[in-house]
PDB file of N, CA and C in Angstrom:
ATOM      1  N   MET A   1      18.145  11.812  -7.932  1.00  0.00           N
ATOM      2  CA  MET A   1      18.234  11.007  -9.128  1.00  0.00           C
ATOM      3  C   MET A   1      18.576   9.575  -8.737  1.00  0.00           C
ATOM      4  N   SER A   2      17.832   8.636  -9.206  1.00  0.00           N
ATOM      5  CA  SER A   2      18.030   7.236  -8.868  1.00  0.00           C
ATOM      6  C   SER A   2      19.034   6.588  -9.811  1.00  0.00           C
ATOM      7  N   SER A   3      19.806   5.697  -9.240  1.00  0.00           N
ATOM      8  CA  SER A   3      20.747   4.959 -10.077  1.00  0.00           C
ATOM      9  C   SER A   3      20.013   3.821 -10.771  1.00  0.00           C
ATOM     10  N   PRO A   4      20.542   3.342 -11.903  1.00  0.00           N
ATOM     11  CA  PRO A   4      19.902   2.216 -12.591  1.00  0.00           C
ATOM     12  C   PRO A   4      19.804   0.980 -11.696  1.00  0.00           C
ATOM     13  N   LEU A   5      20.807   0.783 -10.821  1.00  0.00           N
ATOM     14  CA  LEU A   5      20.777  -0.366  -9.910  1.00  0.00           C
ATOM     15  C   LEU A   5      19.613  -0.261  -8.948  1.00  0.00           C
ATOM     16  N   HIS A   6      19.390   0.943  -8.406  1.00  0.00           N
ATOM     17  CA  HIS A   6      18.281   1.143  -7.480  1.00  0.00           C
ATOM     18  C   HIS A   6      16.951   0.815  -8.147  1.00  0.00           C
ATOM     19  N   LEU A   7      16.745   1.311  -9.355  1.00  0.00           N
ATOM     20  CA  LEU A   7      15.502   1.043 -10.062  1.00  0.00           C
ATOM     21  C   LEU A   7      15.336  -0.440 -10.340  1.00  0.00           C
ATOM     22  N   HIS A   8      16.428  -1.115 -10.675  1.00  0.00           N
ATOM     23  CA  HIS A   8      16.362  -2.554 -10.927  1.00  0.00           C
ATOM     24  C   HIS A   8      15.942  -3.306  -9.665  1.00  0.00           C
ATOM     25  N   VAL A   9      16.498  -2.937  -8.526  1.00  0.00           N
ATOM     26  CA  VAL A   9      16.156  -3.590  -7.260  1.00  0.00           C
ATOM     27  C   VAL A   9      14.693  -3.355  -6.930  1.00  0.00           C
ATOM     28  N   VAL A  10      14.211  -2.132  -7.128  1.00  0.00           N
ATOM     29  CA  VAL A  10      12.811  -1.821  -6.848  1.00  0.00           C
ATOM     30  C   VAL A  10      11.893  -2.625  -7.762  1.00  0.00           C
ATOM     31  N   GLU A  11      12.213  -2.675  -9.053  1.00  0.00           N
ATOM     32  CA  GLU A  11      11.392  -3.433  -9.995  1.00  0.00           C
ATOM     33  C   GLU A  11      11.370  -4.910  -9.632  1.00  0.00           C
ATOM     34  N   LEU A  12      12.511  -5.456  -9.238  1.00  0.00           N
ATOM     35  CA  LEU A  12      12.589  -6.858  -8.851  1.00  0.00           C
ATOM     36  C   LEU A  12      11.774  -7.117  -7.592  1.00  0.00           C
ATOM     37  N   THR A  13      11.872  -6.208  -6.630  1.00  0.00           N
ATOM     38  CA  THR A  13      11.115  -6.353  -5.389  1.00  0.00           C
ATOM     39  C   THR A  13       9.624  -6.369  -5.674  1.00  0.00           C
ATOM     40  N   VAL A  14       9.169  -5.459  -6.522  1.00  0.00           N
ATOM     41  CA  VAL A  14       7.752  -5.401  -6.881  1.00  0.00           C
ATOM     42  C   VAL A  14       7.344  -6.666  -7.625  1.00  0.00           C
ATOM     43  N   ALA A  15       8.175  -7.114  -8.549  1.00  0.00           N
ATOM     44  CA  ALA A  15       7.854  -8.315  -9.333  1.00  0.00           C
ATOM     45  C   ALA A  15       7.729  -9.548  -8.447  1.00  0.00           C
ATOM     46  N   LEU A  16       8.542  -9.618  -7.415  1.00  0.00           N
ATOM     47  CA  LEU A  16       8.488 -10.769  -6.510  1.00  0.00           C
ATOM     48  C   LEU A  16       7.368 -10.653  -5.482  1.00  0.00           C
ATOM     49  N   GLY A  17       6.784  -9.471  -5.404  1.00  0.00           N
ATOM     50  CA  GLY A  17       5.687  -9.277  -4.463  1.00  0.00           C
ATOM     51  C   GLY A  17       6.160  -9.160  -3.029  1.00  0.00           C
ATOM     52  N   ASN A  18       7.407  -8.785  -2.823  1.00  0.00           N
ATOM     53  CA  ASN A  18       7.950  -8.691  -1.476  1.00  0.00           C
ATOM     54  C   ASN A  18       7.710  -7.345  -0.813  1.00  0.00           C
ATOM     55  N   SER A  19       7.116  -6.416  -1.499  1.00  0.00           N
ATOM     56  CA  SER A  19       6.934  -5.083  -0.942  1.00  0.00           C
ATOM     57  C   SER A  19       5.495  -4.632  -1.135  1.00  0.00           C
ATOM     58  N   PRO A  20       4.588  -5.045  -0.238  1.00  0.00           N
ATOM     59  CA  PRO A  20       3.180  -4.680  -0.403  1.00  0.00           C
ATOM     60  C   PRO A  20       2.829  -3.282   0.065  1.00  0.00           C
ATOM     61  N   CYS A  21       3.824  -2.477   0.485  1.00  0.00           N
ATOM     62  CA  CYS A  21       3.508  -1.142   0.973  1.00  0.00           C
ATOM     63  C   CYS A  21       2.938  -0.295  -0.161  1.00  0.00           C
ATOM     64  N   LEU A  22       2.044   0.554   0.200  1.00  0.00           N
ATOM     65  CA  LEU A  22       1.423   1.436  -0.780  1.00  0.00           C
ATOM     66  C   LEU A  22       1.790   2.858  -0.439  1.00  0.00           C
ATOM     67  N   GLY A  23       2.017   3.655  -1.441  1.00  0.00           N
ATOM     68  CA  GLY A  23       2.341   5.041  -1.190  1.00  0.00           C
ATOM     69  C   GLY A  23       2.252   5.851  -2.455  1.00  0.00           C
ATOM     70  N   PRO A  24       2.164   7.159  -2.300  1.00  0.00           N
ATOM     71  CA  PRO A  24       2.014   8.023  -3.458  1.00  0.00           C
ATOM     72  C   PRO A  24       3.310   8.268  -4.211  1.00  0.00           C
ATOM     73  N   ARG A  25       4.458   7.835  -3.675  1.00  0.00           N
ATOM     74  CA  ARG A  25       5.730   8.217  -4.268  1.00  0.00           C
ATOM     75  C   ARG A  25       6.258   7.236  -5.304  1.00  0.00           C
ATOM     76  N   GLY A  26       5.588   6.153  -5.543  1.00  0.00           N
ATOM     77  CA  GLY A  26       6.030   5.202  -6.554  1.00  0.00           C
ATOM     78  C   GLY A  26       7.311   4.503  -6.173  1.00  0.00           C
ATOM     79  N   PRO A  27       8.192   4.221  -7.128  1.00  0.00           N
ATOM     80  CA  PRO A  27       9.359   3.403  -6.855  1.00  0.00           C
ATOM     81  C   PRO A  27      10.334   3.989  -5.847  1.00  0.00           C
ATOM     82  N   ARG A  28      10.288   5.278  -5.604  1.00  0.00           N
ATOM     83  CA  ARG A  28      11.226   5.865  -4.640  1.00  0.00           C
ATOM     84  C   ARG A  28      10.725   5.736  -3.218  1.00  0.00           C
ATOM     85  N   GLY A  29       9.429   5.565  -2.991  1.00  0.00           N
ATOM     86  CA  GLY A  29       8.947   5.553  -1.620  1.00  0.00           C
ATOM     87  C   GLY A  29       7.963   4.456  -1.313  1.00  0.00           C
ATOM     88  N   GLY A  30       7.618   3.642  -2.256  1.00  0.00           N
ATOM     89  CA  GLY A  30       6.661   2.586  -2.010  1.00  0.00           C
ATOM     90  C   GLY A  30       6.093   2.104  -3.321  1.00  0.00           C
ATOM     91  N   VAL A  31       5.375   1.041  -3.253  1.00  0.00           N
ATOM     92  CA  VAL A  31       4.766   0.473  -4.443  1.00  0.00           C
ATOM     93  C   VAL A  31       3.474   1.226  -4.720  1.00  0.00           C
ATOM     94  N   PRO A  32       3.251   1.654  -5.958  1.00  0.00           N
ATOM     95  CA  PRO A  32       1.997   2.356  -6.251  1.00  0.00           C
ATOM     96  C   PRO A  32       0.780   1.497  -5.903  1.00  0.00           C
ATOM     97  N   ALA A  33      -0.297   2.164  -5.577  1.00  0.00           N
ATOM     98  CA  ALA A  33      -1.512   1.464  -5.173  1.00  0.00           C
ATOM     99  C   ALA A  33      -1.988   0.462  -6.215  1.00  0.00           C
ATOM    100  N   GLU A  34      -1.679   0.707  -7.481  1.00  0.00           N
ATOM    101  CA  GLU A  34      -2.125  -0.193  -8.541  1.00  0.00           C
ATOM    102  C   GLU A  34      -1.516  -1.591  -8.395  1.00  0.00           C
ATOM    103  N   ALA A  35      -0.439  -1.716  -7.645  1.00  0.00           N
ATOM    104  CA  ALA A  35       0.199  -3.018  -7.466  1.00  0.00           C
ATOM    105  C   ALA A  35      -0.619  -3.936  -6.568  1.00  0.00           C
ATOM    106  N   ARG A  36      -1.499  -3.380  -5.751  1.00  0.00           N
ATOM    107  CA  ARG A  36      -2.344  -4.177  -4.860  1.00  0.00           C
ATOM    108  C   ARG A  36      -3.798  -3.722  -5.001  1.00  0.00           C
ATOM    109  N   PRO A  37      -4.393  -3.951  -6.163  1.00  0.00           N
ATOM    110  CA  PRO A  37      -5.746  -3.426  -6.400  1.00  0.00           C
ATOM    111  C   PRO A  37      -6.791  -3.988  -5.433  1.00  0.00           C
ATOM    112  N   GLU A  38      -6.592  -5.202  -4.929  1.00  0.00           N
ATOM    113  CA  GLU A  38      -7.571  -5.770  -3.998  1.00  0.00           C
ATOM    114  C   GLU A  38      -7.595  -4.985  -2.682  1.00  0.00           C
ATOM    115  N   VAL A  39      -6.436  -4.501  -2.234  1.00  0.00           N
ATOM    116  CA  VAL A  39      -6.373  -3.717  -1.006  1.00  0.00           C
ATOM    117  C   VAL A  39      -7.070  -2.377  -1.214  1.00  0.00           C
ATOM    118  N   VAL A  40      -6.799  -1.753  -2.341  1.00  0.00           N
ATOM    119  CA  VAL A  40      -7.410  -0.460  -2.653  1.00  0.00           C
ATOM    120  C   VAL A  40      -8.926  -0.602  -2.764  1.00  0.00           C
ATOM    121  N   ALA A  41      -9.388  -1.674  -3.391  1.00  0.00           N
ATOM    122  CA  ALA A  41     -10.836  -1.891  -3.546  1.00  0.00           C
ATOM    123  C   ALA A  41     -11.512  -2.033  -2.183  1.00  0.00           C
ATOM    124  N   ILE A  42     -10.894  -2.773  -1.282  1.00  0.00           N
ATOM    125  CA  ILE A  42     -11.465  -2.942   0.063  1.00  0.00           C
ATOM    126  C   ILE A  42     -11.476  -1.604   0.795  1.00  0.00           C
ATOM    127  N   ALA A  43     -10.365  -0.874   0.711  1.00  0.00           N
ATOM    128  CA  ALA A  43     -10.278   0.429   1.382  1.00  0.00           C
ATOM    129  C   ALA A  43     -11.347   1.388   0.853  1.00  0.00           C
ATOM    130  N   ARG A  44     -11.538   1.389  -0.462  1.00  0.00           N
ATOM    131  CA  ARG A  44     -12.545   2.290  -1.047  1.00  0.00           C
ATOM    132  C   ARG A  44     -13.961   1.888  -0.642  1.00  0.00           C
ATOM    133  N   GLU A  45     -14.202   0.592  -0.591  1.00  0.00           N
ATOM    134  CA  GLU A  45     -15.526   0.115  -0.165  1.00  0.00           C
ATOM    135  C   GLU A  45     -15.818   0.554   1.272  1.00  0.00           C
ATOM    136  N   LEU A  46     -14.858   0.382   2.153  1.00  0.00           N
ATOM    137  CA  LEU A  46     -15.046   0.775   3.551  1.00  0.00           C
ATOM    138  C   LEU A  46     -15.150   2.291   3.690  1.00  0.00           C
ATOM    139  N   HIS A  47     -14.372   3.014   2.904  1.00  0.00           N
ATOM    140  CA  HIS A  47     -14.438   4.472   2.946  1.00  0.00           C
ATOM    141  C   HIS A  47     -15.817   4.953   2.490  1.00  0.00           C
ATOM    142  N   GLY A  48     -16.398   4.260   1.526  1.00  0.00           N
ATOM    143  CA  GLY A  48     -17.738   4.599   1.060  1.00  0.00           C
ATOM    144  C   GLY A  48     -18.797   4.406   2.131  1.00  0.00           C
ATOM    145  N   GLN A  49     -18.477   3.573   3.113  1.00  0.00           N
ATOM    146  CA  GLN A  49     -19.384   3.356   4.248  1.00  0.00           C
ATOM    147  C   GLN A  49     -19.099   4.353   5.376  1.00  0.00           C
ATOM    148  N   ARG A  50     -18.262   5.346   5.075  1.00  0.00           N
ATOM    149  CA  ARG A  50     -17.904   6.413   6.010  1.00  0.00           C
ATOM    150  C   ARG A  50     -17.186   5.886   7.250  1.00  0.00           C
ATOM    151  N   ILE A  51     -16.312   4.915   7.038  1.00  0.00           N
ATOM    152  CA  ILE A  51     -15.499   4.367   8.107  1.00  0.00           C
ATOM    153  C   ILE A  51     -14.195   5.157   8.160  1.00  0.00           C
ATOM    154  N   SER A  52     -13.702   5.412   9.372  1.00  0.00           N
ATOM    155  CA  SER A  52     -12.486   6.212   9.530  1.00  0.00           C
ATOM    156  C   SER A  52     -11.270   5.506   8.937  1.00  0.00           C
ATOM    157  N   LEU A  53     -10.239   6.294   8.641  1.00  0.00           N
ATOM    158  CA  LEU A  53      -9.014   5.743   8.062  1.00  0.00           C
ATOM    159  C   LEU A  53      -8.362   4.728   8.998  1.00  0.00           C
ATOM    160  N   ARG A  54      -8.372   5.005  10.280  1.00  0.00           N
ATOM    161  CA  ARG A  54      -7.778   4.070  11.253  1.00  0.00           C
ATOM    162  C   ARG A  54      -8.560   2.767  11.319  1.00  0.00           C
ATOM    163  N   LYS A  55      -9.863   2.859  11.236  1.00  0.00           N
ATOM    164  CA  LYS A  55     -10.674   1.634  11.259  1.00  0.00           C
ATOM    165  C   LYS A  55     -10.513   0.853   9.960  1.00  0.00           C
ATOM    166  N   ILE A  56     -10.319   1.564   8.851  1.00  0.00           N
ATOM    167  CA  ILE A  56     -10.037   0.880   7.585  1.00  0.00           C
ATOM    168  C   ILE A  56      -8.722   0.135   7.708  1.00  0.00           C
ATOM    169  N   SER A  57      -7.712   0.772   8.297  1.00  0.00           N
ATOM    170  CA  SER A  57      -6.423   0.124   8.511  1.00  0.00           C
ATOM    171  C   SER A  57      -6.578  -1.143   9.342  1.00  0.00           C
ATOM    172  N   ALA A  58      -7.361  -1.064  10.402  1.00  0.00           N
ATOM    173  CA  ALA A  58      -7.589  -2.222  11.260  1.00  0.00           C
ATOM    174  C   ALA A  58      -8.321  -3.331  10.502  1.00  0.00           C
ATOM    175  N   ALA A  59      -9.285  -2.951   9.674  1.00  0.00           N
ATOM    176  CA  ALA A  59     -10.026  -3.942   8.888  1.00  0.00           C
ATOM    177  C   ALA A  59      -9.118  -4.625   7.872  1.00  0.00           C
ATOM    178  N   LEU A  60      -8.233  -3.863   7.247  1.00  0.00           N
ATOM    179  CA  LEU A  60      -7.291  -4.450   6.297  1.00  0.00           C
ATOM    180  C   LEU A  60      -6.357  -5.426   7.020  1.00  0.00           C
ATOM    181  N   ALA A  61      -5.873  -5.037   8.193  1.00  0.00           N
ATOM    182  CA  ALA A  61      -4.984  -5.908   8.962  1.00  0.00           C
ATOM    183  C   ALA A  61      -5.706  -7.190   9.377  1.00  0.00           C
ATOM    184  N   ALA A  62      -6.971  -7.061   9.745  1.00  0.00           N
ATOM    185  CA  ALA A  62      -7.750  -8.244  10.139  1.00  0.00           C
ATOM    186  C   ALA A  62      -7.907  -9.218   8.976  1.00  0.00           C
ATOM    187  N   ARG A  63      -7.867  -8.693   7.757  1.00  0.00           N
ATOM    188  CA  ARG A  63      -7.978  -9.535   6.561  1.00  0.00           C
ATOM    189  C   ARG A  63      -6.611  -9.987   6.047  1.00  0.00           C
ATOM    190  N   GLY A  64      -5.557  -9.611   6.764  1.00  0.00           N
ATOM    191  CA  GLY A  64      -4.211 -10.050   6.394  1.00  0.00           C
ATOM    192  C   GLY A  64      -3.445  -9.100   5.503  1.00  0.00           C
ATOM    193  N   TYR A  65      -3.977  -7.921   5.244  1.00  0.00           N
ATOM    194  CA  TYR A  65      -3.295  -6.935   4.402  1.00  0.00           C
ATOM    195  C   TYR A  65      -2.536  -5.971   5.308  1.00  0.00           C
ATOM    196  N   VAL A  66      -1.225  -6.165   5.390  1.00  0.00           N
ATOM    197  CA  VAL A  66      -0.367  -5.349   6.229  1.00  0.00           C
ATOM    198  C   VAL A  66       0.832  -4.879   5.406  1.00  0.00           C
ATOM    199  N   THR A  67       1.670  -4.038   6.010  1.00  0.00           N
ATOM    200  CA  THR A  67       2.853  -3.522   5.332  1.00  0.00           C
ATOM    201  C   THR A  67       3.900  -4.622   5.201  1.00  0.00           C
ATOM    202  N   ALA A  68       4.970  -4.311   4.489  1.00  0.00           N
ATOM    203  CA  ALA A  68       6.066  -5.267   4.322  1.00  0.00           C
ATOM    204  C   ALA A  68       6.671  -5.635   5.665  1.00  0.00           C
ATOM    205  N   GLY A  69       6.592  -4.738   6.619  1.00  0.00           N
ATOM    206  CA  GLY A  69       7.115  -4.997   7.958  1.00  0.00           C
ATOM    207  C   GLY A  69       6.154  -5.766   8.835  1.00  0.00           C
ATOM    208  N   GLY A  70       4.979  -6.105   8.296  1.00  0.00           N
ATOM    209  CA  GLY A  70       4.004  -6.874   9.054  1.00  0.00           C
ATOM    210  C   GLY A  70       3.122  -6.058   9.976  1.00  0.00           C
ATOM    211  N   LYS A  71       3.153  -4.748   9.831  1.00  0.00           N
ATOM    212  CA  LYS A  71       2.337  -3.866  10.678  1.00  0.00           C
ATOM    213  C   LYS A  71       1.147  -3.339   9.889  1.00  0.00           C
ATOM    214  N   PRO A  72       0.086  -2.952  10.581  1.00  0.00           N
ATOM    215  CA  PRO A  72      -1.059  -2.352   9.882  1.00  0.00           C
ATOM    216  C   PRO A  72      -0.648  -1.057   9.194  1.00  0.00           C
ATOM    217  N   TYR A  73      -1.351  -0.732   8.113  1.00  0.00           N
ATOM    218  CA  TYR A  73      -1.097   0.525   7.421  1.00  0.00           C
ATOM    219  C   TYR A  73      -1.437   1.686   8.342  1.00  0.00           C
ATOM    220  N   VAL A  74      -0.649   2.756   8.263  1.00  0.00           N
ATOM    221  CA  VAL A  74      -0.979   3.968   9.006  1.00  0.00           C
ATOM    222  C   VAL A  74      -2.078   4.703   8.237  1.00  0.00           C
ATOM    223  N   ALA A  75      -2.748   5.612   8.925  1.00  0.00           N
ATOM    224  CA  ALA A  75      -3.882   6.325   8.320  1.00  0.00           C
ATOM    225  C   ALA A  75      -3.481   7.071   7.056  1.00  0.00           C
ATOM    226  N   THR A  76      -2.290   7.650   7.036  1.00  0.00           N
ATOM    227  CA  THR A  76      -1.875   8.400   5.845  1.00  0.00           C
ATOM    228  C   THR A  76      -1.653   7.472   4.643  1.00  0.00           C
ATOM    229  N   ALA A  77      -1.253   6.235   4.886  1.00  0.00           N
ATOM    230  CA  ALA A  77      -1.108   5.282   3.788  1.00  0.00           C
ATOM    231  C   ALA A  77      -2.482   4.894   3.234  1.00  0.00           C
ATOM    232  N   VAL A  78      -3.451   4.733   4.111  1.00  0.00           N
ATOM    233  CA  VAL A  78      -4.816   4.436   3.666  1.00  0.00           C
ATOM    234  C   VAL A  78      -5.349   5.619   2.869  1.00  0.00           C
ATOM    235  N   GLN A  79      -5.081   6.819   3.356  1.00  0.00           N
ATOM    236  CA  GLN A  79      -5.531   8.010   2.642  1.00  0.00           C
ATOM    237  C   GLN A  79      -4.923   8.066   1.249  1.00  0.00           C
ATOM    238  N   ALA A  80      -3.662   7.696   1.124  1.00  0.00           N
ATOM    239  CA  ALA A  80      -3.002   7.689  -0.191  1.00  0.00           C
ATOM    240  C   ALA A  80      -3.643   6.668  -1.118  1.00  0.00           C
ATOM    241  N   MET A  81      -4.099   5.545  -0.570  1.00  0.00           N
ATOM    242  CA  MET A  81      -4.769   4.523  -1.387  1.00  0.00           C
ATOM    243  C   MET A  81      -6.049   5.063  -2.001  1.00  0.00           C
ATOM    244  N   LEU A  82      -6.707   5.954  -1.278  1.00  0.00           N
ATOM    245  CA  LEU A  82      -8.008   6.459  -1.689  1.00  0.00           C
ATOM    246  C   LEU A  82      -7.921   7.562  -2.733  1.00  0.00           C
ATOM    247  N   ARG A  83      -6.729   8.051  -3.002  1.00  0.00           N
ATOM    248  CA  ARG A  83      -6.550   9.126  -4.002  1.00  0.00           C
ATOM    249  C   ARG A  83      -6.683   8.603  -5.397  1.00  0.00           C
TER     250      ARG A  83
END
């Protein structure tokens, strides 16, 4: 169970755009994919070309789309974007 303070911090972080990570868990584990629709659109376009998840991650990083820590998305994060 999340405290009201935790939810407030997460909402503020998302509003400021400081947390570009994508994940299926929403505010408890990452920002939902809907928060970065341009990243999801690129990932889906590349996936439609039958490009591997790791290569999609590399392509996103080459375009400047990385995690909050500045690292490329892992394959499982790309897979979550495609759901």
